[in-house]
Every structure is written in structure tokens, then in C-alpha cells.
Amino acid sequence: MQNLFQNWRSFLNESLLLKPGPDGWKKYSQLVGEAYLAAPKFEQRAVPHFQAMIPFIETMFKRISSKVDIQFVDYHAYENAQQLKNDVKQNGVMKVATIDAEHDIFDESVNAKFRAIHDYMAHIQAIGSRGTQFSLMGEIQAYNVHLKTLPPEAAPALFTEVIGQVCAYYASGGKFAEQKICLLDNFDYYKIGMVDGYNIVNKQLIKL
């Protein structure tokens, strides 16, 4: 498993509220991951927020597929972000895994398209086209990229899909958690790092 805070310095151009360490991003990741794992698998109140993502997914997929040959495959094609970037740069191809993709709102096509959008916008285009890594900080950067292009009502669902899932991955020891349609209420969807019941002091989370 990659270092949780790999390449964090490359994200200093973001207004990061926390810093690496047990009371910084590690604590935040733990809190989000535990909340995701404890959340119900399906909440009706979350449905409109996930549905609000679908028009964005369809529009952005059309734009991206005009630039790169997106190939859907039944395996995880890349071990790291550099392999993904090399395939796109050298071959004009981006492979997107369709496995582990069960979703109660998105059909298989929409969910696969969202993965493609996520990989291209975050791991290829972000940070002045330097892209991001497959890591906690990479996914936070990916989330920030997506957030700028989505309608506000989709933000809670995007947080669950991106931040919730990656934090649950680390909280469960490097295992992918089941897909959930839920809202993680105690976290700020726009200022990543802020948690209800905690203050941020010297870029560390301090429980009230």
C-alpha cells in the first residue's frame, strides 16, 4: 500500500487546512473512513444528490472521449498513476476498470464513465497537467478538481464517492469498502479537513 501522504508537498498550492501527521491528514482520513464504514448502505435522502451528478458525467465523458481512446476493461490496468499517464501520453489510450463497480444509483455505463472522468480530470489534467497520484492526497486533489465543475447539490454525493471511499480504503487496511449511497454529514464538503466537533489548530485536528 502506498504511503498515505505520498507527495503531499506537491499540493501546497491548494489551501490545505491540515498537515501530515497523526493529528492532521491521518486523523482526518481515519474519521472519514470510520464514518463511511459505519454509514448505512442506502439512504433515500442521498438519492437526489447522486442523481445530480449524472448530467455532469454524461457531458464530461463526451468531451474526454473526444481526446483519448477510453477502453473499458474487466481488470485494474494500472498499478500507479504514472502507468496511467504514460498510456495516455504514449498511446492515446486510457483503460478503465469496470470491476468492483456495483452502484445503486448509477447504471454500469454511468459508473464506468464516472471512473473515466475521475481518472482523466484528476490523474491526467490536474495541477497544471502534472496529474495526481493514487494516494489520499491525490484523491483530495481529484475531489477539488471535480467540485469546481459540479452543481452544488451534487457535492455531498461526490464527497461520499471520492473522499469517503478512499478514506474507507485506508481505514479498512487497504481493502475496498462496499459501494454506499449515503451522506457523511459531519464533514465540510468544500473545506476539506474541517470536521464537526473539532477545531483546527496549527493545521491539526483538536477535539472540542
N, C-alpha and C. Protein backbone atom coordinates (compact mmCIF):
# COMPACT_ATOMS: atom_id res chain seq x y z
N MET A 1 0.85 -1.20 0.00
CA MET A 1 0.00 0.00 0.00
C MET A 1 0.88 1.24 0.00
N GLN A 2 0.53 2.20 -0.84
CA GLN A 2 1.34 3.39 -0.92
C GLN A 2 1.29 4.18 0.36
N ASN A 3 2.35 4.94 0.59
CA ASN A 3 2.38 5.83 1.74
C ASN A 3 1.18 6.75 1.68
N LEU A 4 0.48 6.86 2.82
CA LEU A 4 -0.76 7.63 2.88
C LEU A 4 -0.55 9.07 2.48
N PHE A 5 0.63 9.60 2.73
CA PHE A 5 0.86 11.02 2.48
C PHE A 5 1.90 11.24 1.37
N GLN A 6 1.96 10.31 0.46
CA GLN A 6 2.94 10.38 -0.62
C GLN A 6 2.77 11.68 -1.42
N ASN A 7 3.90 12.35 -1.65
CA ASN A 7 3.94 13.54 -2.50
C ASN A 7 3.04 14.67 -2.01
N TRP A 8 2.81 14.77 -0.71
CA TRP A 8 1.90 15.81 -0.21
C TRP A 8 2.42 17.21 -0.51
N ARG A 9 3.73 17.39 -0.61
CA ARG A 9 4.26 18.73 -0.84
C ARG A 9 3.82 19.30 -2.19
N SER A 10 3.50 18.43 -3.14
CA SER A 10 3.09 18.93 -4.45
C SER A 10 1.72 19.58 -4.41
N PHE A 11 1.03 19.48 -3.27
CA PHE A 11 -0.30 20.05 -3.15
C PHE A 11 -0.31 21.35 -2.35
N LEU A 12 0.86 21.95 -2.09
CA LEU A 12 0.90 23.15 -1.29
C LEU A 12 0.27 24.35 -1.99
N ASN A 13 0.04 24.25 -3.30
CA ASN A 13 -0.65 25.34 -3.97
C ASN A 13 -2.14 25.32 -3.65
N GLU A 14 -2.65 24.25 -3.06
CA GLU A 14 -4.01 24.21 -2.54
C GLU A 14 -4.00 24.85 -1.16
N SER A 15 -5.15 25.35 -0.75
CA SER A 15 -5.26 25.93 0.60
C SER A 15 -5.54 24.80 1.57
N LEU A 16 -4.50 24.05 1.92
CA LEU A 16 -4.68 22.88 2.77
C LEU A 16 -4.87 23.30 4.22
N LEU A 17 -5.89 22.74 4.83
CA LEU A 17 -6.20 23.09 6.21
C LEU A 17 -5.43 22.26 7.21
N LEU A 18 -4.93 21.10 6.78
CA LEU A 18 -4.23 20.20 7.68
C LEU A 18 -2.83 19.90 7.15
N LYS A 19 -2.03 19.26 7.99
CA LYS A 19 -0.70 18.85 7.59
C LYS A 19 -0.53 17.35 7.84
N PRO A 20 0.47 16.73 7.26
CA PRO A 20 0.70 15.31 7.52
C PRO A 20 0.94 15.06 9.00
N GLY A 21 0.62 13.86 9.44
CA GLY A 21 0.86 13.51 10.83
C GLY A 21 -0.35 12.90 11.49
N PRO A 22 -0.18 12.34 12.67
CA PRO A 22 -1.26 11.62 13.34
C PRO A 22 -2.47 12.47 13.69
N ASP A 23 -2.31 13.77 13.88
CA ASP A 23 -3.43 14.64 14.19
C ASP A 23 -3.82 15.52 13.02
N GLY A 24 -3.21 15.28 11.86
CA GLY A 24 -3.53 16.03 10.66
C GLY A 24 -4.32 15.19 9.68
N TRP A 25 -3.75 14.98 8.49
CA TRP A 25 -4.48 14.23 7.47
C TRP A 25 -4.75 12.79 7.88
N LYS A 26 -3.86 12.21 8.65
CA LYS A 26 -4.10 10.83 9.08
C LYS A 26 -5.34 10.75 9.95
N LYS A 27 -5.49 11.70 10.87
CA LYS A 27 -6.67 11.73 11.73
C LYS A 27 -7.93 11.99 10.90
N TYR A 28 -7.84 12.92 9.97
CA TYR A 28 -8.98 13.22 9.12
C TYR A 28 -9.41 11.99 8.33
N SER A 29 -8.43 11.32 7.72
CA SER A 29 -8.73 10.12 6.95
C SER A 29 -9.38 9.05 7.83
N GLN A 30 -8.90 8.91 9.05
CA GLN A 30 -9.48 7.94 9.97
C GLN A 30 -10.93 8.27 10.28
N LEU A 31 -11.22 9.54 10.56
CA LEU A 31 -12.58 9.96 10.91
C LEU A 31 -13.54 9.77 9.73
N VAL A 32 -13.10 10.15 8.55
CA VAL A 32 -13.96 9.98 7.38
C VAL A 32 -14.17 8.50 7.08
N GLY A 33 -13.09 7.74 7.13
CA GLY A 33 -13.18 6.31 6.84
C GLY A 33 -14.10 5.59 7.80
N GLU A 34 -13.99 5.89 9.08
CA GLU A 34 -14.86 5.26 10.07
C GLU A 34 -16.31 5.65 9.86
N ALA A 35 -16.55 6.91 9.48
CA ALA A 35 -17.92 7.36 9.23
C ALA A 35 -18.51 6.64 8.02
N TYR A 36 -17.70 6.46 6.98
CA TYR A 36 -18.17 5.75 5.80
C TYR A 36 -18.51 4.30 6.13
N LEU A 37 -17.61 3.64 6.84
CA LEU A 37 -17.83 2.23 7.17
C LEU A 37 -19.04 2.04 8.07
N ALA A 38 -19.33 3.03 8.92
CA ALA A 38 -20.46 2.93 9.84
C ALA A 38 -21.78 3.36 9.20
N ALA A 39 -21.73 4.01 8.07
CA ALA A 39 -22.94 4.54 7.44
C ALA A 39 -23.79 3.42 6.85
N PRO A 40 -25.10 3.64 6.75
CA PRO A 40 -25.96 2.64 6.10
C PRO A 40 -25.60 2.50 4.62
N LYS A 41 -25.92 1.35 4.06
CA LYS A 41 -25.58 1.12 2.65
C LYS A 41 -26.41 2.00 1.73
N PHE A 42 -27.64 2.32 2.14
CA PHE A 42 -28.51 3.10 1.27
C PHE A 42 -29.35 4.05 2.11
N GLU A 43 -29.30 5.33 1.73
CA GLU A 43 -30.14 6.35 2.36
C GLU A 43 -30.94 7.06 1.27
N GLN A 44 -32.25 7.08 1.43
CA GLN A 44 -33.10 7.71 0.42
C GLN A 44 -32.77 9.20 0.27
N ARG A 45 -32.40 9.86 1.36
CA ARG A 45 -32.11 11.29 1.31
C ARG A 45 -30.89 11.60 0.44
N ALA A 46 -30.05 10.59 0.21
CA ALA A 46 -28.85 10.81 -0.60
C ALA A 46 -29.12 10.71 -2.09
N VAL A 47 -30.24 10.10 -2.47
CA VAL A 47 -30.51 9.81 -3.87
C VAL A 47 -30.48 11.05 -4.76
N PRO A 48 -31.17 12.16 -4.41
CA PRO A 48 -31.14 13.33 -5.30
C PRO A 48 -29.73 13.89 -5.53
N HIS A 49 -28.87 13.77 -4.54
CA HIS A 49 -27.51 14.27 -4.68
C HIS A 49 -26.71 13.44 -5.67
N PHE A 50 -26.91 12.12 -5.65
CA PHE A 50 -26.24 11.26 -6.62
C PHE A 50 -26.81 11.46 -8.01
N GLN A 51 -28.12 11.62 -8.10
CA GLN A 51 -28.74 11.84 -9.40
C GLN A 51 -28.27 13.14 -10.03
N ALA A 52 -27.95 14.13 -9.20
CA ALA A 52 -27.48 15.42 -9.70
C ALA A 52 -26.13 15.31 -10.39
N MET A 53 -25.41 14.23 -10.15
CA MET A 53 -24.10 14.04 -10.78
C MET A 53 -24.22 13.53 -12.21
N ILE A 54 -25.33 12.91 -12.57
CA ILE A 54 -25.42 12.19 -13.84
C ILE A 54 -25.28 13.10 -15.06
N PRO A 55 -25.96 14.25 -15.15
CA PRO A 55 -25.76 15.11 -16.34
C PRO A 55 -24.31 15.54 -16.53
N PHE A 56 -23.63 15.84 -15.42
CA PHE A 56 -22.21 16.19 -15.48
C PHE A 56 -21.41 15.03 -16.05
N ILE A 57 -21.68 13.83 -15.58
CA ILE A 57 -20.95 12.65 -16.04
C ILE A 57 -21.10 12.47 -17.55
N GLU A 58 -22.32 12.57 -18.04
CA GLU A 58 -22.56 12.36 -19.47
C GLU A 58 -21.87 13.43 -20.32
N THR A 59 -21.94 14.69 -19.87
CA THR A 59 -21.34 15.78 -20.62
C THR A 59 -19.82 15.68 -20.67
N MET A 60 -19.22 15.45 -19.49
CA MET A 60 -17.77 15.40 -19.43
C MET A 60 -17.22 14.17 -20.14
N PHE A 61 -17.93 13.06 -20.10
CA PHE A 61 -17.44 11.87 -20.78
C PHE A 61 -17.34 12.11 -22.29
N LYS A 62 -18.33 12.79 -22.85
CA LYS A 62 -18.29 13.09 -24.28
C LYS A 62 -17.07 13.93 -24.63
N ARG A 63 -16.76 14.90 -23.78
CA ARG A 63 -15.61 15.77 -24.04
C ARG A 63 -14.30 15.00 -23.96
N ILE A 64 -14.18 14.17 -22.92
CA ILE A 64 -12.92 13.46 -22.71
C ILE A 64 -12.72 12.38 -23.76
N SER A 65 -13.80 11.68 -24.13
CA SER A 65 -13.66 10.60 -25.11
C SER A 65 -13.33 11.13 -26.50
N SER A 66 -13.49 12.44 -26.71
CA SER A 66 -13.06 13.02 -27.99
C SER A 66 -11.56 13.28 -28.01
N LYS A 67 -10.90 13.20 -26.85
CA LYS A 67 -9.47 13.47 -26.74
C LYS A 67 -8.63 12.21 -26.55
N VAL A 68 -9.22 11.17 -25.99
CA VAL A 68 -8.46 9.95 -25.69
C VAL A 68 -9.35 8.74 -25.94
N ASP A 69 -8.73 7.65 -26.34
CA ASP A 69 -9.44 6.39 -26.59
C ASP A 69 -9.68 5.70 -25.24
N ILE A 70 -10.89 5.79 -24.73
CA ILE A 70 -11.23 5.19 -23.44
C ILE A 70 -11.66 3.75 -23.67
N GLN A 71 -10.96 2.82 -23.04
CA GLN A 71 -11.25 1.40 -23.19
C GLN A 71 -11.66 0.83 -21.83
N PHE A 72 -12.85 0.28 -21.77
CA PHE A 72 -13.34 -0.32 -20.53
C PHE A 72 -12.88 -1.78 -20.48
N VAL A 73 -12.25 -2.15 -19.36
CA VAL A 73 -11.68 -3.49 -19.19
C VAL A 73 -12.14 -4.09 -17.86
N ASP A 74 -12.10 -5.41 -17.78
CA ASP A 74 -12.58 -6.08 -16.57
C ASP A 74 -11.44 -6.41 -15.61
N TYR A 75 -10.48 -5.50 -15.51
CA TYR A 75 -9.37 -5.65 -14.57
C TYR A 75 -8.80 -4.26 -14.28
N HIS A 76 -8.01 -4.15 -13.22
CA HIS A 76 -7.36 -2.89 -12.91
C HIS A 76 -6.06 -2.82 -13.72
N ALA A 77 -6.03 -1.93 -14.69
CA ALA A 77 -4.96 -1.92 -15.68
C ALA A 77 -3.66 -1.29 -15.18
N TYR A 78 -3.74 -0.41 -14.18
CA TYR A 78 -2.57 0.36 -13.77
C TYR A 78 -2.29 0.18 -12.28
N GLU A 79 -1.03 -0.04 -11.96
CA GLU A 79 -0.64 -0.15 -10.56
C GLU A 79 -0.42 1.21 -9.93
N ASN A 80 -0.14 2.20 -10.74
CA ASN A 80 0.10 3.54 -10.22
C ASN A 80 -0.29 4.57 -11.27
N ALA A 81 -0.34 5.83 -10.84
CA ALA A 81 -0.79 6.90 -11.72
C ALA A 81 0.17 7.12 -12.89
N GLN A 82 1.46 6.85 -12.69
CA GLN A 82 2.42 7.08 -13.77
C GLN A 82 2.14 6.15 -14.95
N GLN A 83 1.77 4.91 -14.68
CA GLN A 83 1.43 3.99 -15.76
C GLN A 83 0.23 4.50 -16.55
N LEU A 84 -0.75 5.02 -15.83
CA LEU A 84 -1.92 5.61 -16.48
C LEU A 84 -1.51 6.78 -17.38
N LYS A 85 -0.71 7.68 -16.84
CA LYS A 85 -0.29 8.85 -17.61
C LYS A 85 0.54 8.44 -18.82
N ASN A 86 1.40 7.45 -18.67
CA ASN A 86 2.22 7.00 -19.78
C ASN A 86 1.38 6.42 -20.91
N ASP A 87 0.35 5.66 -20.56
CA ASP A 87 -0.51 5.05 -21.57
C ASP A 87 -1.25 6.12 -22.37
N VAL A 88 -1.72 7.14 -21.66
CA VAL A 88 -2.42 8.23 -22.34
C VAL A 88 -1.47 9.02 -23.23
N LYS A 89 -0.30 9.35 -22.70
CA LYS A 89 0.65 10.18 -23.45
C LYS A 89 1.25 9.43 -24.64
N GLN A 90 1.61 8.17 -24.43
CA GLN A 90 2.32 7.44 -25.47
C GLN A 90 1.39 6.77 -26.48
N ASN A 91 0.24 6.32 -26.00
CA ASN A 91 -0.65 5.53 -26.86
C ASN A 91 -2.01 6.18 -27.13
N GLY A 92 -2.30 7.26 -26.41
CA GLY A 92 -3.61 7.88 -26.57
C GLY A 92 -4.73 7.02 -26.04
N VAL A 93 -4.40 6.11 -25.12
CA VAL A 93 -5.37 5.14 -24.59
C VAL A 93 -5.46 5.28 -23.08
N MET A 94 -6.66 5.19 -22.56
CA MET A 94 -6.87 5.14 -21.12
C MET A 94 -7.80 3.98 -20.81
N LYS A 95 -7.29 2.99 -20.08
CA LYS A 95 -8.09 1.82 -19.71
C LYS A 95 -8.79 2.09 -18.37
N VAL A 96 -10.05 1.75 -18.31
CA VAL A 96 -10.87 2.00 -17.13
C VAL A 96 -11.49 0.68 -16.67
N ALA A 97 -11.25 0.32 -15.41
CA ALA A 97 -11.76 -0.94 -14.87
C ALA A 97 -13.26 -0.86 -14.62
N THR A 98 -13.95 -1.92 -14.97
CA THR A 98 -15.39 -1.99 -14.71
C THR A 98 -15.71 -2.93 -13.55
N ILE A 99 -14.69 -3.57 -12.97
CA ILE A 99 -14.95 -4.48 -11.86
C ILE A 99 -15.13 -3.68 -10.57
N ASP A 100 -15.69 -4.32 -9.55
CA ASP A 100 -15.95 -3.68 -8.26
C ASP A 100 -16.74 -2.39 -8.46
N ALA A 101 -17.77 -2.46 -9.30
CA ALA A 101 -18.45 -1.23 -9.71
C ALA A 101 -19.96 -1.25 -9.46
N GLU A 102 -20.41 -2.07 -8.52
CA GLU A 102 -21.84 -2.11 -8.24
C GLU A 102 -22.29 -0.77 -7.66
N HIS A 103 -23.42 -0.29 -8.14
CA HIS A 103 -23.90 1.03 -7.70
C HIS A 103 -25.42 1.03 -7.73
N ASP A 104 -26.04 1.57 -6.68
CA ASP A 104 -27.50 1.55 -6.57
C ASP A 104 -28.17 2.72 -7.28
N ILE A 105 -27.42 3.69 -7.77
CA ILE A 105 -27.99 4.82 -8.49
C ILE A 105 -27.49 4.86 -9.93
N PHE A 106 -26.19 4.78 -10.11
CA PHE A 106 -25.61 4.78 -11.46
C PHE A 106 -25.74 3.38 -12.07
N ASP A 107 -26.16 3.31 -13.33
CA ASP A 107 -26.08 2.02 -14.01
C ASP A 107 -24.63 1.75 -14.38
N GLU A 108 -24.36 0.58 -14.94
CA GLU A 108 -22.97 0.20 -15.22
C GLU A 108 -22.29 1.20 -16.14
N SER A 109 -23.01 1.70 -17.12
CA SER A 109 -22.43 2.63 -18.07
C SER A 109 -22.06 3.94 -17.41
N VAL A 110 -22.97 4.50 -16.62
CA VAL A 110 -22.72 5.77 -15.96
C VAL A 110 -21.57 5.64 -14.96
N ASN A 111 -21.55 4.54 -14.22
CA ASN A 111 -20.49 4.36 -13.22
C ASN A 111 -19.12 4.23 -13.89
N ALA A 112 -19.07 3.52 -15.00
CA ALA A 112 -17.81 3.38 -15.73
C ALA A 112 -17.37 4.73 -16.30
N LYS A 113 -18.32 5.51 -16.79
CA LYS A 113 -17.99 6.84 -17.31
C LYS A 113 -17.46 7.74 -16.21
N PHE A 114 -18.06 7.65 -15.01
CA PHE A 114 -17.58 8.47 -13.91
C PHE A 114 -16.13 8.11 -13.56
N ARG A 115 -15.81 6.84 -13.57
CA ARG A 115 -14.43 6.42 -13.31
C ARG A 115 -13.48 7.02 -14.35
N ALA A 116 -13.91 7.00 -15.60
CA ALA A 116 -13.07 7.55 -16.67
C ALA A 116 -12.85 9.04 -16.47
N ILE A 117 -13.91 9.75 -16.14
CA ILE A 117 -13.81 11.19 -15.89
C ILE A 117 -12.88 11.47 -14.73
N HIS A 118 -13.07 10.71 -13.66
CA HIS A 118 -12.24 10.88 -12.47
C HIS A 118 -10.76 10.68 -12.81
N ASP A 119 -10.45 9.62 -13.51
CA ASP A 119 -9.05 9.32 -13.83
C ASP A 119 -8.45 10.40 -14.72
N TYR A 120 -9.21 10.86 -15.71
CA TYR A 120 -8.64 11.83 -16.65
C TYR A 120 -8.51 13.22 -16.02
N MET A 121 -9.59 13.70 -15.40
CA MET A 121 -9.56 15.04 -14.83
C MET A 121 -8.59 15.15 -13.66
N ALA A 122 -8.51 14.11 -12.86
CA ALA A 122 -7.69 14.17 -11.65
C ALA A 122 -6.26 13.72 -11.88
N HIS A 123 -6.09 12.55 -12.47
CA HIS A 123 -4.77 11.96 -12.54
C HIS A 123 -4.00 12.34 -13.81
N ILE A 124 -4.69 12.96 -14.79
CA ILE A 124 -4.03 13.41 -16.01
C ILE A 124 -3.96 14.93 -16.08
N GLN A 125 -5.09 15.60 -15.88
CA GLN A 125 -5.17 17.04 -16.12
C GLN A 125 -4.79 17.91 -14.93
N ALA A 126 -5.00 17.44 -13.72
CA ALA A 126 -4.89 18.30 -12.54
C ALA A 126 -3.48 18.84 -12.33
N ILE A 127 -3.39 19.90 -11.56
CA ILE A 127 -2.13 20.57 -11.18
C ILE A 127 -1.30 20.92 -12.41
N GLY A 128 -1.89 21.71 -13.30
CA GLY A 128 -1.16 22.14 -14.48
C GLY A 128 -0.73 20.99 -15.36
N SER A 129 -1.59 19.99 -15.48
CA SER A 129 -1.36 18.79 -16.30
C SER A 129 -0.27 17.88 -15.75
N ARG A 130 0.17 18.11 -14.51
CA ARG A 130 1.12 17.17 -13.89
C ARG A 130 0.40 15.93 -13.38
N GLY A 131 -0.89 16.09 -13.11
CA GLY A 131 -1.67 14.96 -12.63
C GLY A 131 -1.44 14.69 -11.16
N THR A 132 -2.19 13.76 -10.62
CA THR A 132 -2.09 13.40 -9.22
C THR A 132 -1.79 11.92 -9.08
N GLN A 133 -1.43 11.51 -7.87
CA GLN A 133 -1.08 10.13 -7.58
C GLN A 133 -2.29 9.35 -7.07
N PHE A 134 -2.15 8.01 -7.05
CA PHE A 134 -3.15 7.16 -6.41
C PHE A 134 -2.85 7.15 -4.91
N SER A 135 -3.28 8.14 -4.20
CA SER A 135 -2.99 8.29 -2.78
C SER A 135 -4.08 9.12 -2.15
N LEU A 136 -4.06 9.25 -0.84
CA LEU A 136 -5.05 10.09 -0.17
C LEU A 136 -5.01 11.51 -0.71
N MET A 137 -3.81 12.10 -0.77
CA MET A 137 -3.72 13.47 -1.23
C MET A 137 -4.08 13.60 -2.70
N GLY A 138 -3.79 12.58 -3.48
CA GLY A 138 -4.19 12.58 -4.88
C GLY A 138 -5.70 12.60 -5.03
N GLU A 139 -6.38 11.85 -4.19
CA GLU A 139 -7.84 11.82 -4.27
C GLU A 139 -8.45 13.12 -3.75
N ILE A 140 -7.82 13.75 -2.77
CA ILE A 140 -8.30 15.06 -2.31
C ILE A 140 -8.17 16.07 -3.44
N GLN A 141 -7.04 16.04 -4.15
CA GLN A 141 -6.87 16.91 -5.29
C GLN A 141 -7.91 16.60 -6.36
N ALA A 142 -8.16 15.32 -6.60
CA ALA A 142 -9.16 14.92 -7.58
C ALA A 142 -10.53 15.47 -7.20
N TYR A 143 -10.86 15.35 -5.94
CA TYR A 143 -12.15 15.86 -5.46
C TYR A 143 -12.25 17.36 -5.71
N ASN A 144 -11.20 18.10 -5.40
CA ASN A 144 -11.23 19.55 -5.60
C ASN A 144 -11.41 19.91 -7.07
N VAL A 145 -10.81 19.12 -7.96
CA VAL A 145 -10.98 19.35 -9.40
C VAL A 145 -12.43 19.14 -9.80
N HIS A 146 -13.00 18.03 -9.38
CA HIS A 146 -14.40 17.72 -9.72
C HIS A 146 -15.35 18.76 -9.16
N LEU A 147 -15.09 19.19 -7.94
CA LEU A 147 -16.01 20.06 -7.22
C LEU A 147 -16.25 21.36 -7.99
N LYS A 148 -15.25 21.81 -8.72
CA LYS A 148 -15.36 23.07 -9.45
C LYS A 148 -16.25 22.94 -10.68
N THR A 149 -16.59 21.73 -11.07
CA THR A 149 -17.34 21.52 -12.30
C THR A 149 -18.75 20.98 -12.06
N LEU A 150 -19.09 20.71 -10.80
CA LEU A 150 -20.37 20.09 -10.47
C LEU A 150 -21.37 21.10 -9.93
N PRO A 151 -22.67 20.83 -10.09
CA PRO A 151 -23.67 21.66 -9.41
C PRO A 151 -23.57 21.44 -7.90
N PRO A 152 -23.86 22.47 -7.09
CA PRO A 152 -23.70 22.36 -5.63
C PRO A 152 -24.44 21.18 -5.01
N GLU A 153 -25.62 20.85 -5.56
CA GLU A 153 -26.39 19.76 -4.96
C GLU A 153 -25.72 18.40 -5.11
N ALA A 154 -24.71 18.32 -5.99
CA ALA A 154 -24.01 17.05 -6.18
C ALA A 154 -22.83 16.88 -5.23
N ALA A 155 -22.42 17.95 -4.55
CA ALA A 155 -21.21 17.90 -3.71
C ALA A 155 -21.28 16.83 -2.61
N PRO A 156 -22.40 16.68 -1.89
CA PRO A 156 -22.43 15.64 -0.85
C PRO A 156 -22.19 14.24 -1.40
N ALA A 157 -22.74 13.96 -2.58
CA ALA A 157 -22.55 12.64 -3.19
C ALA A 157 -21.12 12.46 -3.66
N LEU A 158 -20.55 13.51 -4.23
CA LEU A 158 -19.16 13.43 -4.69
C LEU A 158 -18.23 13.17 -3.52
N PHE A 159 -18.50 13.80 -2.37
CA PHE A 159 -17.68 13.59 -1.19
C PHE A 159 -17.72 12.11 -0.78
N THR A 160 -18.91 11.52 -0.77
CA THR A 160 -19.03 10.10 -0.44
C THR A 160 -18.27 9.24 -1.44
N GLU A 161 -18.43 9.53 -2.73
CA GLU A 161 -17.84 8.73 -3.79
C GLU A 161 -16.32 8.78 -3.79
N VAL A 162 -15.75 9.95 -3.54
CA VAL A 162 -14.30 10.12 -3.67
C VAL A 162 -13.61 10.10 -2.31
N ILE A 163 -13.91 11.07 -1.47
CA ILE A 163 -13.22 11.17 -0.17
C ILE A 163 -13.65 10.02 0.75
N GLY A 164 -14.93 9.75 0.80
CA GLY A 164 -15.42 8.68 1.67
C GLY A 164 -14.81 7.33 1.33
N GLN A 165 -14.79 7.01 0.04
CA GLN A 165 -14.30 5.70 -0.36
C GLN A 165 -12.79 5.54 -0.15
N VAL A 166 -12.02 6.58 -0.48
CA VAL A 166 -10.57 6.43 -0.32
C VAL A 166 -10.20 6.35 1.16
N CYS A 167 -10.89 7.12 2.01
CA CYS A 167 -10.59 7.06 3.44
C CYS A 167 -11.02 5.71 4.03
N ALA A 168 -12.12 5.18 3.55
CA ALA A 168 -12.55 3.85 4.00
C ALA A 168 -11.56 2.78 3.58
N TYR A 169 -10.95 2.96 2.42
CA TYR A 169 -9.93 2.02 1.94
C TYR A 169 -8.77 1.94 2.93
N TYR A 170 -8.29 3.10 3.38
CA TYR A 170 -7.19 3.10 4.33
C TYR A 170 -7.65 2.66 5.72
N ALA A 171 -8.85 3.06 6.13
CA ALA A 171 -9.35 2.69 7.45
C ALA A 171 -9.55 1.19 7.58
N SER A 172 -9.79 0.51 6.47
CA SER A 172 -10.01 -0.94 6.49
C SER A 172 -8.75 -1.71 6.12
N GLY A 173 -7.60 -1.05 6.18
CA GLY A 173 -6.34 -1.74 5.94
C GLY A 173 -6.03 -2.04 4.50
N GLY A 174 -6.49 -1.18 3.59
CA GLY A 174 -6.20 -1.37 2.18
C GLY A 174 -7.18 -2.26 1.46
N LYS A 175 -8.41 -2.30 1.94
CA LYS A 175 -9.46 -3.08 1.29
C LYS A 175 -10.55 -2.13 0.80
N PHE A 176 -11.08 -2.42 -0.38
CA PHE A 176 -12.15 -1.59 -0.92
C PHE A 176 -13.44 -1.88 -0.17
N ALA A 177 -14.06 -0.83 0.35
CA ALA A 177 -15.33 -0.97 1.06
C ALA A 177 -16.47 -1.09 0.06
N GLU A 178 -17.62 -1.61 0.52
CA GLU A 178 -18.75 -1.72 -0.38
C GLU A 178 -19.26 -0.34 -0.79
N GLN A 179 -19.80 -0.29 -2.00
CA GLN A 179 -20.37 0.95 -2.51
C GLN A 179 -21.58 1.35 -1.67
N LYS A 180 -21.66 2.62 -1.28
CA LYS A 180 -22.77 3.09 -0.47
C LYS A 180 -23.39 4.33 -1.06
N ILE A 181 -24.70 4.42 -0.91
CA ILE A 181 -25.45 5.62 -1.26
C ILE A 181 -25.82 6.26 0.07
N CYS A 182 -24.96 7.13 0.56
CA CYS A 182 -25.16 7.72 1.88
C CYS A 182 -24.53 9.10 1.91
N LEU A 183 -24.85 9.85 2.95
CA LEU A 183 -24.27 11.17 3.15
C LEU A 183 -23.45 11.17 4.42
N LEU A 184 -22.29 11.78 4.37
CA LEU A 184 -21.40 11.88 5.53
C LEU A 184 -21.53 13.30 6.07
N ASP A 185 -22.40 13.46 7.06
CA ASP A 185 -22.87 14.78 7.47
C ASP A 185 -21.86 15.61 8.24
N ASN A 186 -20.93 15.01 8.90
CA ASN A 186 -20.08 15.74 9.85
C ASN A 186 -18.83 16.36 9.23
N PHE A 187 -18.80 16.43 7.91
CA PHE A 187 -17.61 16.92 7.22
C PHE A 187 -17.99 18.04 6.25
N ASP A 188 -17.12 19.04 6.17
CA ASP A 188 -17.35 20.15 5.26
C ASP A 188 -17.02 19.71 3.85
N TYR A 189 -17.96 19.81 2.93
CA TYR A 189 -17.76 19.33 1.57
C TYR A 189 -16.91 20.27 0.73
N TYR A 190 -16.71 21.50 1.20
CA TYR A 190 -15.97 22.48 0.42
C TYR A 190 -14.62 22.82 1.04
N LYS A 191 -14.52 22.72 2.34
CA LYS A 191 -13.25 22.98 3.02
C LYS A 191 -12.76 21.66 3.59
N ILE A 192 -12.07 20.90 2.76
CA ILE A 192 -11.66 19.56 3.14
C ILE A 192 -10.67 19.62 4.29
N GLY A 193 -10.99 18.93 5.36
CA GLY A 193 -10.19 18.95 6.57
C GLY A 193 -11.01 19.37 7.77
N MET A 194 -12.11 20.09 7.54
CA MET A 194 -12.95 20.54 8.64
C MET A 194 -13.93 19.44 9.04
N VAL A 195 -14.04 19.22 10.36
CA VAL A 195 -14.87 18.15 10.91
C VAL A 195 -15.68 18.71 12.06
N ASP A 196 -16.97 18.40 12.10
CA ASP A 196 -17.80 18.82 13.23
C ASP A 196 -17.24 18.21 14.52
N GLY A 197 -17.18 19.03 15.56
CA GLY A 197 -16.68 18.56 16.85
C GLY A 197 -15.19 18.71 17.02
N TYR A 198 -14.53 19.30 16.02
CA TYR A 198 -13.08 19.51 16.08
C TYR A 198 -12.74 20.94 15.68
N ASN A 199 -11.72 21.49 16.29
CA ASN A 199 -11.10 22.72 15.84
C ASN A 199 -9.82 22.38 15.09
N ILE A 200 -9.40 23.29 14.22
CA ILE A 200 -8.10 23.13 13.55
C ILE A 200 -7.14 24.13 14.18
N VAL A 201 -6.10 23.61 14.82
CA VAL A 201 -5.09 24.43 15.48
C VAL A 201 -3.72 24.01 14.94
N ASN A 202 -3.00 24.97 14.36
CA ASN A 202 -1.69 24.66 13.77
C ASN A 202 -1.80 23.52 12.75
N LYS A 203 -2.90 23.53 11.98
CA LYS A 203 -3.16 22.54 10.94
C LYS A 203 -3.29 21.12 11.50
N GLN A 204 -3.77 21.01 12.74
CA GLN A 204 -4.05 19.72 13.34
C GLN A 204 -5.48 19.74 13.90
N LEU A 205 -6.11 18.57 13.91
CA LEU A 205 -7.47 18.44 14.42
C LEU A 205 -7.43 18.27 15.94
N ILE A 206 -8.11 19.16 16.64
CA ILE A 206 -8.19 19.12 18.10
C ILE A 206 -9.65 18.95 18.49
N LYS A 207 -9.95 17.88 19.19
CA LYS A 207 -11.34 17.58 19.55
C LYS A 207 -11.84 18.60 20.56
N LEU A 208 -13.07 19.09 20.34
CA LEU A 208 -13.67 20.05 21.26
C LEU A 208 -14.02 19.38 22.58
